Protein backbone atom coordinates (compact mmCIF):
# COMPACT_ATOMS: atom_id res chain seq x y z
CA MET A 1 145.13 105.42 102.47
CA PHE A 2 141.24 106.58 102.13
CA GLU A 3 140.07 108.81 99.61
CA GLU A 4 137.62 111.58 100.46
CA ASP A 5 133.84 110.37 99.73
CA ASP A 6 132.25 112.69 97.37
CA ASP A 7 128.65 111.64 98.64
CA ASP A 8 126.88 115.00 98.76
CA ASP A 9 123.80 113.72 101.35
CA LEU A 10 126.64 113.90 103.82
CA ARG A 11 127.21 117.09 105.50
CA LYS A 12 130.46 118.19 107.13
CA PRO A 13 129.35 119.61 110.37
CA GLU A 14 131.35 122.76 110.15
CA GLN A 15 129.88 124.02 107.59
CA LEU A 16 126.67 123.52 109.49
CA PRO A 17 125.00 127.21 110.94
CA ILE A 18 124.63 125.65 114.19
CA TYR A 19 128.43 124.14 114.66
CA GLN A 20 129.52 127.50 113.64
CA LYS A 21 127.53 129.48 116.36
CA GLY A 22 128.79 126.73 118.91
CA MET A 23 132.40 127.49 118.15
CA GLU A 24 131.29 131.44 118.86
CA ILE A 25 129.95 130.27 122.06
CA PHE A 26 133.00 128.33 123.07
CA ASP A 27 135.14 131.03 122.35
CA ILE A 28 132.98 133.67 124.43
CA VAL A 29 133.61 131.06 127.20
CA LYS A 30 136.93 130.34 126.81
CA THR A 31 137.45 134.24 127.09
CA MET A 32 135.36 134.47 129.89
CA THR A 33 136.53 131.53 132.03
CA ASP A 34 140.01 132.71 131.27
CA LEU A 35 139.33 135.72 133.55
CA ILE A 36 138.57 133.41 136.68
CA PRO A 37 141.08 133.56 139.80
CA LYS A 38 143.31 130.59 139.40
CA ASP A 39 142.88 130.46 143.50
CA ASN A 40 139.17 130.11 143.62
CA GLU A 41 138.36 126.78 143.66
CA HIS A 42 134.73 127.13 143.41
CA LEU A 43 134.98 129.31 140.31
CA GLN A 44 137.54 126.74 138.66
CA ILE A 45 135.13 124.00 139.13
CA THR A 46 132.63 125.94 137.24
CA LYS A 47 135.08 126.65 134.83
CA GLY A 48 135.58 123.16 133.61
CA PHE A 49 131.88 122.42 133.76
CA MET A 50 131.33 125.35 131.31
CA LEU A 51 134.10 124.84 129.18
CA GLU A 52 132.84 121.00 128.95
CA ASP A 53 129.54 122.15 128.11
CA ALA A 54 130.39 124.91 125.80
CA ALA A 55 132.14 121.97 123.47
CA ASN A 56 129.31 119.61 123.45
CA LEU A 57 127.83 122.46 121.58
CA THR A 58 129.76 121.32 118.45
CA VAL A 59 131.04 117.51 119.40
CA LYS A 60 127.52 116.46 119.91
CA VAL A 61 126.54 118.12 116.29
CA ALA A 62 129.70 116.51 114.75
CA GLY A 63 128.68 112.98 116.16
CA ALA A 64 124.78 113.54 115.81
CA GLU A 65 126.02 113.93 112.10
CA GLY A 66 128.59 111.52 111.94
CA GLY A 67 125.95 108.69 113.27
CA ASP A 68 123.22 109.99 111.28
CA LEU A 69 120.94 107.58 112.71
CA TYR A 70 117.93 108.96 114.25
CA ASP A 71 118.46 108.02 117.96
CA ILE A 72 121.87 109.04 118.10
CA ARG A 73 120.79 112.11 116.56
CA LEU A 74 118.35 112.68 119.16
CA GLU A 75 120.70 111.61 121.98
CA CYS A 76 123.39 113.93 120.85
CA ALA A 77 120.39 116.53 120.42
CA THR A 78 119.35 115.83 123.88
CA ILE A 79 123.02 116.31 125.72
CA ILE A 80 123.29 119.32 123.68
CA ARG A 81 120.17 121.17 124.96
CA LYS A 82 121.12 120.02 128.26
CA SER A 83 124.58 121.68 128.21
CA ALA A 84 123.09 124.79 126.56
CA ARG A 85 120.82 125.13 129.40
CA ASP A 86 123.50 124.74 132.02
CA LEU A 87 125.80 126.87 130.30
CA VAL A 88 123.21 129.67 131.05
CA VAL A 89 122.60 128.06 134.75
CA GLN A 90 125.95 128.29 135.56
CA LEU A 91 126.05 132.00 135.05
CA ASN A 92 124.29 132.38 138.59
CA SER A 93 127.28 130.04 139.97
CA LEU A 94 129.89 132.13 138.68
CA GLU A 95 127.84 135.55 140.44
CA MET A 96 127.46 133.56 143.44
CA PHE A 97 131.00 132.65 143.72
CA GLY A 98 132.34 136.23 143.10
CA PHE A 99 133.11 136.30 139.63
CA GLU A 100 133.30 140.23 138.73
CA GLU A 101 133.23 139.77 134.96
CA THR A 102 129.34 140.35 134.38
CA GLN A 103 129.79 141.87 131.07
CA TYR A 104 129.82 138.89 129.46
CA PHE A 105 126.62 137.22 131.01
CA ASP A 106 124.16 138.87 128.61
CA LEU A 107 126.55 138.13 125.45
CA LEU A 108 126.59 134.86 126.18
CA ARG A 109 122.33 134.93 126.89
CA ARG A 110 122.20 136.00 123.66
CA GLU A 111 124.54 133.69 121.47
CA VAL A 112 122.87 130.78 123.28
CA GLU A 113 119.34 132.14 122.46
CA GLU A 114 120.69 132.28 118.98
CA TYR A 115 121.98 128.82 119.30
CA ARG A 116 118.70 127.56 120.35
CA LEU A 117 116.94 128.73 117.08
CA LEU A 118 119.23 127.07 115.09
CA TYR A 119 118.89 123.80 117.25
CA ILE A 120 115.20 123.91 116.34
CA ASP A 121 115.75 124.01 112.82
CA TRP A 122 118.76 121.31 113.05
CA VAL A 123 116.18 118.54 115.10
CA GLN A 124 113.75 118.94 112.64
CA SER A 125 116.01 118.39 109.42
CA PHE A 126 116.24 114.77 111.17
CA ASP A 127 115.19 112.13 108.88
CA PRO A 128 113.09 109.63 111.31
CA TRP A 129 112.34 106.84 108.97
CA ASN A 130 116.40 106.48 109.11
CA TYR A 131 116.61 104.58 112.31
CA ILE A 132 117.07 101.38 114.18
CA ILE A 133 114.80 100.51 117.03
CA ASP A 134 116.02 101.87 120.05
CA ARG A 135 115.36 98.87 122.66
CA TRP A 136 115.21 101.44 125.60
CA GLY A 137 112.39 102.99 124.02
CA LEU A 138 113.43 106.92 124.26
CA PHE A 139 114.62 107.70 121.12
CA ASN A 140 112.42 105.93 118.66
CA PRO A 141 110.35 107.70 115.93
CA PRO A 142 106.75 108.47 116.38
CA GLY A 143 104.89 104.86 116.37
CA VAL A 144 108.03 102.92 116.89
CA GLY A 145 108.35 101.17 120.39
CA PRO A 146 111.14 99.29 121.90
CA PHE A 147 109.45 95.83 121.58
CA ASP A 148 108.59 96.35 118.08
CA GLU A 149 110.11 93.25 115.52
CA ASP A 150 112.87 95.03 113.32
CA PRO A 151 111.73 95.03 109.99
CA ASP A 152 115.36 94.31 109.04
CA ASP A 153 115.16 90.81 110.74
CA LEU A 154 112.43 90.02 108.28
CA ILE A 155 114.72 90.06 105.21
CA GLU A 156 115.79 86.72 103.98
């Protein structure tokens, strides 16, 4: 049986403001998309995309917090950024395909904007020196390249 880790350095994702705001956004998206007529195929497809994107706002925060390494955190943050932006863009699809409950649109836009501000602070809290070299070259800390020698390989 596993005992709960008392390490104060490990943050519980659900206690983070960005995670909590992500849950609020998911609830709004769920409430809004539950109003989509079941017989409108285009809106049902958009609903699926929106629910997935809304879920990413919490799932990927948890992944980043659990992964802890800089490259994993940045990868999760990138997916979050795309998902949050896609949520707002998909409002255009809802409108284009006849969704009539547009009173939710401004609310969702405001919540995503609040999330964006929390996101900025959250990403700035990442420790760039808790890393392994990203051999793909995308998520390395400043000054570290994909072809650099791994400092751990030098330990004998």
